[in-house]
Amino acid sequence: MPTYRQQQQQEQQRRQHALAGAAPGSFIDLHLERLISIGGEGLLQPRSIRQAPATALVNGSVVAVADMVVDQGTPEFWVRYLFDELVSTGAKNALPGFAGRNLLLDFYNRVFWRPDDFETAPKPFVVPKATSVLAAYPAATTGDDLLRSHLRAALDLGFEWMQWPADTTGSGNASLAGLVSYMQEIQHKTVHTPLVWRTEDRRTLAELRRTGFTQQLAAQQRTEALGMDQAWNPYSTDEVRGRLWYRRQNTDNCLYTGISVALHPFANVTARRRSPNTAASASQAATYSHRSSCTGSSTAGATMKDSRPS
């Protein structure tokens, strides 16, 4: 049995051998754990926030470290959202056996350069190869398919999922009222604790049981505004649209495929920023989202338990 020091030496030799066979400035599979620890905002935020220098050495040459603009609905927007979940303990634990490792590695190598001090820097950073994510991909269908597969890999690693009822899967006008009733029955038979549904209007839980709710990805205005109808976006596929996705780390739901449920209304009310004109009564068991008041969305359940701005 090799000692710990011998194991470290063997690992270092394996790493050096892998780097020797890699293209200059590229990442290798052994870098993935450090790469995902950067998250999405760490990849794209301004240098002043992610603590990246103005220039870096890439294969011995000085290269400018530029920022990418993150506009709503762009690939950068979705890289930030999906890759932010990769920093979780759940994602890191799932990484060793993750089937999409090569897809993630291809994404990082296609969009970013590896700084020469990537392995030793106290806070790892990457160097964008282009001014935008799309610029790093082939044009038309080929690039769309490739980028979608990379974003889907991030979704699969950072999130888990459950299937929506078959009669509502992929339906743009599905109310999912039946699911509300189903959830009520489950909670009544198990924990006997009233569930609070945070929605984007003042409908009570009883009203939701009759009318249902609408996911963001089922609302055309939202899908267009957020780029969920674009071919490069995994949320444009029926498979992703037909599932409720939730984060591995804290099981909080994906912002775009479900609605929030809580055990007590006041916990939700105090935890979020809200406009004084949008406060729903606690007795109605629903809170009116600040994000909704900003976007003007009228779909119930389009906003989840997440206080970050879109």
Protein backbone atom coordinates (compact mmCIF):
# COMPACT_ATOMS: atom_id res chain seq x y z
CA MET A 1 0.00 0.00 0.00
CA PRO A 2 1.61 3.29 -1.07
CA THR A 3 1.99 5.99 1.54
CA TYR A 4 0.10 9.28 1.31
CA ARG A 5 3.24 11.03 0.09
CA GLN A 6 3.74 8.40 -2.59
CA GLN A 7 0.12 8.78 -3.68
CA GLN A 8 0.61 12.55 -3.95
CA GLN A 9 3.73 12.06 -6.04
CA GLN A 10 1.95 9.59 -8.32
CA GLU A 11 -0.95 12.01 -8.74
CA GLN A 12 1.42 14.85 -9.60
CA GLN A 13 3.21 12.69 -12.18
CA ARG A 14 -0.11 11.67 -13.73
CA ARG A 15 -1.16 15.32 -13.89
CA GLN A 16 2.11 16.42 -15.49
CA HIS A 17 1.87 13.62 -18.05
CA ALA A 18 -1.71 14.59 -18.93
CA LEU A 19 -0.75 18.25 -19.27
CA ALA A 20 2.18 17.36 -21.50
CA GLY A 21 -0.20 15.71 -23.95
CA ALA A 22 -2.79 18.51 -23.87
CA ALA A 23 -3.03 21.49 -26.19
CA PRO A 24 -1.31 24.65 -24.87
CA GLY A 25 -3.55 26.62 -22.55
CA SER A 26 -6.21 23.91 -22.35
CA PHE A 27 -7.79 22.18 -19.38
CA ILE A 28 -7.59 18.46 -18.67
CA ASP A 29 -10.05 16.17 -16.92
CA LEU A 30 -8.12 16.49 -13.67
CA HIS A 31 -8.98 20.22 -13.63
CA LEU A 32 -12.74 19.70 -13.54
CA GLU A 33 -13.13 19.79 -9.77
CA ARG A 34 -11.28 23.10 -9.57
CA LEU A 35 -13.19 24.44 -12.57
CA ILE A 36 -16.64 23.77 -11.19
CA SER A 37 -15.61 25.42 -7.91
CA ILE A 38 -15.49 28.72 -9.85
CA GLY A 39 -19.26 28.60 -10.42
CA GLY A 40 -21.09 30.62 -13.06
CA GLU A 41 -20.66 34.12 -11.70
CA GLY A 42 -16.96 33.44 -11.16
CA LEU A 43 -16.61 32.70 -14.86
CA LEU A 44 -18.37 35.81 -16.09
CA GLN A 45 -18.50 38.49 -13.39
CA PRO A 46 -16.32 41.60 -13.70
CA ARG A 47 -12.68 41.01 -12.86
CA SER A 48 -12.94 43.25 -9.81
CA ILE A 49 -15.48 40.85 -8.29
CA ARG A 50 -13.95 37.54 -9.28
CA GLN A 51 -10.48 38.81 -8.32
CA ALA A 52 -8.96 38.11 -11.72
CA PRO A 53 -5.97 40.15 -12.95
CA ALA A 54 -6.06 42.39 -16.02
CA THR A 55 -3.67 40.05 -17.81
CA ALA A 56 -2.49 36.49 -17.37
CA LEU A 57 0.15 34.19 -18.79
CA VAL A 58 -1.24 31.52 -21.09
CA ASN A 59 1.45 29.12 -22.29
CA GLY A 60 4.01 31.77 -21.44
CA SER A 61 2.34 34.57 -23.42
CA VAL A 62 0.60 37.60 -21.92
CA VAL A 63 -3.15 37.54 -22.63
CA ALA A 64 -5.77 40.11 -21.61
CA VAL A 65 -8.40 38.85 -19.15
CA ALA A 66 -11.63 40.38 -20.46
CA ASP A 67 -15.15 40.29 -19.05
CA MET A 68 -18.22 38.97 -20.84
CA VAL A 69 -21.46 40.94 -20.82
CA VAL A 70 -24.32 39.08 -19.14
CA ASP A 71 -27.65 40.17 -20.62
CA GLN A 72 -30.98 38.55 -19.82
CA GLY A 73 -31.79 35.58 -22.02
CA THR A 74 -28.29 35.22 -23.50
CA PRO A 75 -26.07 32.13 -23.23
CA GLU A 76 -24.02 34.05 -20.64
CA PHE A 77 -27.19 34.44 -18.55
CA TRP A 78 -27.72 30.68 -18.57
CA VAL A 79 -24.06 29.86 -17.97
CA ARG A 80 -24.24 32.01 -14.84
CA TYR A 81 -27.48 30.37 -13.68
CA LEU A 82 -26.60 26.73 -14.39
CA PHE A 83 -22.90 26.72 -13.57
CA ASP A 84 -23.50 28.50 -10.26
CA GLU A 85 -25.07 25.27 -8.98
CA LEU A 86 -21.89 23.30 -9.68
CA VAL A 87 -20.20 24.74 -6.59
CA SER A 88 -22.52 22.75 -4.33
CA THR A 89 -21.33 19.79 -2.30
CA GLY A 90 -23.92 17.63 -4.04
CA ALA A 91 -22.54 18.47 -7.48
CA LYS A 92 -18.94 17.92 -6.37
CA ASN A 93 -19.84 14.54 -4.91
CA ALA A 94 -21.58 13.54 -8.14
CA LEU A 95 -18.71 14.68 -10.37
CA PRO A 96 -16.43 11.58 -10.17
CA GLY A 97 -18.99 9.29 -11.84
CA PHE A 98 -20.75 11.96 -13.88
CA ALA A 99 -21.41 10.83 -17.48
CA GLY A 100 -21.18 14.38 -18.84
CA ARG A 101 -17.60 15.09 -17.73
CA ASN A 102 -16.32 15.33 -21.29
CA LEU A 103 -19.11 17.73 -22.23
CA LEU A 104 -18.23 20.04 -19.35
CA LEU A 105 -14.54 19.85 -20.19
CA ASP A 106 -15.29 20.65 -23.83
CA PHE A 107 -17.28 23.70 -22.74
CA TYR A 108 -14.47 25.08 -20.60
CA ASN A 109 -11.88 24.46 -23.33
CA ARG A 110 -14.04 25.93 -26.05
CA VAL A 111 -14.85 29.16 -24.19
CA PHE A 112 -11.82 29.75 -21.95
CA TRP A 113 -8.03 29.56 -21.83
CA ARG A 114 -6.22 28.02 -18.87
CA PRO A 115 -3.86 30.47 -17.13
CA ASP A 116 -0.41 29.05 -16.44
CA ASP A 117 -0.96 29.45 -12.69
CA PHE A 118 -4.45 27.91 -12.72
CA GLU A 119 -3.48 25.08 -10.38
CA THR A 120 -1.61 27.25 -7.88
CA ALA A 121 -3.63 30.50 -7.80
CA PRO A 122 -5.36 30.99 -4.40
CA LYS A 123 -8.59 31.86 -6.24
CA PRO A 124 -8.82 30.12 -9.64
CA PHE A 125 -9.92 32.11 -12.65
CA VAL A 126 -10.18 31.50 -16.40
CA VAL A 127 -9.44 33.65 -19.45
CA PRO A 128 -12.28 34.11 -21.97
CA LYS A 129 -11.26 33.26 -25.54
CA ALA A 130 -13.95 35.43 -27.13
CA THR A 131 -16.23 38.34 -26.30
CA SER A 132 -19.28 36.07 -26.00
CA VAL A 133 -20.12 32.41 -25.47
CA LEU A 134 -21.79 32.07 -28.88
CA ALA A 135 -18.65 33.35 -30.60
CA ALA A 136 -16.83 30.25 -29.35
CA TYR A 137 -19.23 27.89 -31.14
CA PRO A 138 -19.83 27.04 -34.80
CA ALA A 139 -22.64 28.88 -36.52
CA ALA A 140 -26.19 27.58 -37.04
CA THR A 141 -27.46 24.16 -35.98
CA THR A 142 -24.10 22.57 -35.21
CA GLY A 143 -23.21 25.25 -32.68
CA ASP A 144 -26.70 25.31 -31.18
CA ASP A 145 -26.67 21.55 -30.62
CA LEU A 146 -23.21 21.62 -29.09
CA LEU A 147 -23.90 24.50 -26.72
CA ARG A 148 -27.22 22.94 -25.69
CA SER A 149 -25.41 19.70 -24.81
CA HIS A 150 -22.90 21.62 -22.69
CA LEU A 151 -25.56 23.58 -20.82
CA ARG A 152 -27.57 20.38 -20.36
CA ALA A 153 -24.52 18.74 -18.77
CA ALA A 154 -24.35 21.58 -16.25
CA LEU A 155 -28.08 21.19 -15.59
CA ASP A 156 -27.70 17.44 -15.05
CA LEU A 157 -24.80 17.88 -12.62
CA GLY A 158 -26.16 20.80 -10.61
CA PHE A 159 -29.80 19.72 -10.47
CA GLU A 160 -31.95 16.65 -9.96
CA TRP A 161 -35.48 16.23 -11.27
CA MET A 162 -38.89 14.65 -10.96
CA GLN A 163 -41.32 14.06 -13.80
CA TRP A 164 -44.40 16.22 -14.27
CA PRO A 165 -47.70 14.40 -14.86
CA ALA A 166 -47.85 12.97 -18.37
CA ASP A 167 -50.98 14.89 -19.31
CA THR A 168 -49.25 18.22 -18.74
CA THR A 169 -45.73 17.52 -20.00
CA GLY A 170 -44.65 19.95 -22.69
CA SER A 171 -48.02 21.62 -22.85
CA GLY A 172 -47.80 25.37 -23.24
CA ASN A 173 -51.23 26.00 -21.76
CA ALA A 174 -51.26 23.37 -18.99
CA SER A 175 -52.58 24.76 -15.72
CA LEU A 176 -51.22 21.91 -13.56
CA ALA A 177 -54.23 22.28 -11.30
CA GLY A 178 -54.23 18.52 -10.86
CA LEU A 179 -50.73 18.63 -9.44
CA VAL A 180 -51.78 21.17 -6.82
CA SER A 181 -54.51 18.78 -5.67
CA TYR A 182 -52.03 15.91 -5.68
CA MET A 183 -49.56 17.86 -3.52
CA GLN A 184 -52.31 18.78 -1.09
CA GLU A 185 -53.29 15.15 -0.74
CA ILE A 186 -49.70 14.07 -0.16
CA GLN A 187 -49.06 16.63 2.56
CA HIS A 188 -52.37 15.75 4.26
CA LYS A 189 -51.52 12.05 4.32
CA THR A 190 -47.96 12.54 5.55
CA VAL A 191 -46.80 15.52 7.60
CA HIS A 192 -50.23 17.11 8.13
CA THR A 193 -48.58 20.50 7.72
CA PRO A 194 -50.24 23.24 5.68
CA LEU A 195 -48.22 24.06 2.58
CA VAL A 196 -47.75 27.65 1.48
CA TRP A 197 -47.46 28.24 -2.25
CA ARG A 198 -45.67 31.44 -3.22
CA THR A 199 -47.11 32.62 -6.51
CA GLU A 200 -47.02 35.73 -8.65
CA ASP A 201 -50.56 36.77 -7.87
CA ARG A 202 -52.90 36.79 -4.89
CA ARG A 203 -54.60 33.49 -5.54
CA THR A 204 -54.99 31.33 -2.45
CA LEU A 205 -54.04 27.68 -2.33
CA ALA A 206 -57.71 26.74 -2.64
CA GLU A 207 -57.98 28.87 -5.78
CA LEU A 208 -54.81 27.34 -7.18
CA ARG A 209 -56.39 23.94 -6.74
CA ARG A 210 -59.12 25.02 -9.15
CA THR A 211 -57.11 27.13 -11.58
CA GLY A 212 -53.63 25.65 -11.36
CA PHE A 213 -50.43 27.55 -12.02
CA THR A 214 -48.21 28.21 -14.98
CA GLN A 215 -44.48 27.55 -15.21
CA GLN A 216 -42.23 30.24 -16.64
CA LEU A 217 -41.22 27.94 -19.48
CA ALA A 218 -44.90 27.58 -20.41
CA ALA A 219 -45.44 31.34 -20.69
CA GLN A 220 -44.48 32.64 -24.14
CA GLN A 221 -43.55 36.10 -22.92
CA ARG A 222 -41.10 34.64 -20.43
CA THR A 223 -39.64 32.01 -22.74
CA GLU A 224 -38.88 34.66 -25.34
CA ALA A 225 -37.48 37.14 -22.83
CA LEU A 226 -35.25 34.52 -21.21
CA GLY A 227 -34.14 32.77 -24.39
CA MET A 228 -35.80 29.50 -23.42
CA ASP A 229 -37.14 29.18 -26.96
CA GLN A 230 -33.66 29.26 -28.49
CA ALA A 231 -32.24 26.04 -29.94
CA TRP A 232 -29.05 26.32 -27.86
CA ASN A 233 -31.04 26.36 -24.61
CA PRO A 234 -31.77 22.97 -22.97
CA TYR A 235 -35.09 24.40 -21.73
CA SER A 236 -36.26 24.44 -25.35
CA THR A 237 -36.43 20.62 -25.38
CA ASP A 238 -39.51 18.63 -24.36
CA GLU A 239 -37.44 16.41 -22.08
CA VAL A 240 -36.29 19.32 -19.91
CA ARG A 241 -39.63 21.11 -20.09
CA GLY A 242 -41.44 18.00 -18.90
CA ARG A 243 -39.55 17.81 -15.62
CA LEU A 244 -39.47 19.71 -12.34
CA TRP A 245 -35.80 20.43 -11.70
CA TYR A 246 -34.41 21.18 -8.26
CA ARG A 247 -30.97 22.01 -6.91
CA ARG A 248 -28.84 19.19 -5.52
CA GLN A 249 -27.49 21.23 -2.65
CA ASN A 250 -30.65 22.40 -0.88
CA THR A 251 -33.45 20.86 -3.01
CA ASP A 252 -34.77 24.35 -3.79
CA ASN A 253 -36.56 24.29 -7.11
CA CYS A 254 -35.33 25.50 -10.45
CA LEU A 255 -36.67 29.00 -11.13
CA TYR A 256 -38.29 28.09 -14.43
CA THR A 257 -40.00 24.70 -14.03
CA GLY A 258 -41.87 24.84 -10.72
CA ILE A 259 -43.26 27.00 -7.96
CA SER A 260 -42.17 27.38 -4.35
CA VAL A 261 -43.68 25.59 -1.40
CA ALA A 262 -42.99 26.49 2.24
CA LEU A 263 -44.24 25.45 5.65
CA HIS A 264 -44.90 28.94 6.99
CA PRO A 265 -45.84 32.12 5.11
CA PHE A 266 -43.89 34.55 7.26
CA ALA A 267 -40.58 32.82 6.56
CA ASN A 268 -41.02 33.59 2.88
CA VAL A 269 -42.35 37.10 3.40
CA THR A 270 -39.36 38.23 5.47
CA ALA A 271 -36.76 36.47 3.36
CA ARG A 272 -37.40 38.36 0.12
CA ARG A 273 -37.19 41.90 -1.14
CA ARG A 274 -40.71 43.05 -1.95
CA SER A 275 -42.37 46.15 -3.28
CA PRO A 276 -44.67 47.75 -0.67
CA ASN A 277 -47.47 47.61 -3.25
CA THR A 278 -47.17 43.86 -3.82
CA ALA A 279 -47.56 42.38 -0.35
CA ALA A 280 -50.12 39.60 -0.32
CA SER A 281 -51.98 38.79 2.87
CA ALA A 282 -50.45 35.98 4.91
CA SER A 283 -53.91 34.54 5.36
CA GLN A 284 -53.98 34.02 1.61
CA ALA A 285 -50.96 31.75 1.99
CA ALA A 286 -49.17 33.27 -1.00
CA THR A 287 -46.58 36.00 -1.39
CA TYR A 288 -46.30 38.29 -4.34
CA SER A 289 -42.85 38.22 -5.84
CA HIS A 290 -40.64 41.31 -6.08
CA ARG A 291 -39.17 39.82 -9.23
CA SER A 292 -42.64 39.63 -10.73
CA SER A 293 -43.29 43.29 -10.02
CA CYS A 294 -40.10 44.11 -11.92
CA THR A 295 -40.77 41.92 -14.92
CA GLY A 296 -44.50 42.47 -15.18
CA SER A 297 -45.10 38.74 -15.48
CA SER A 298 -48.62 37.67 -14.62
CA THR A 299 -48.06 33.92 -14.53
CA ALA A 300 -48.51 32.22 -11.19
CA GLY A 301 -45.54 30.34 -9.87
CA ALA A 302 -43.04 31.83 -12.29
CA THR A 303 -40.70 32.87 -9.52
CA MET A 304 -38.94 30.61 -7.07
CA LYS A 305 -37.12 30.95 -3.77
CA ASP A 306 -34.17 32.91 -5.05
CA SER A 307 -33.38 36.54 -4.33
CA ARG A 308 -30.80 37.10 -7.05
CA PRO A 309 -31.85 39.55 -9.77
CA SER A 310 -32.55 38.20 -13.26
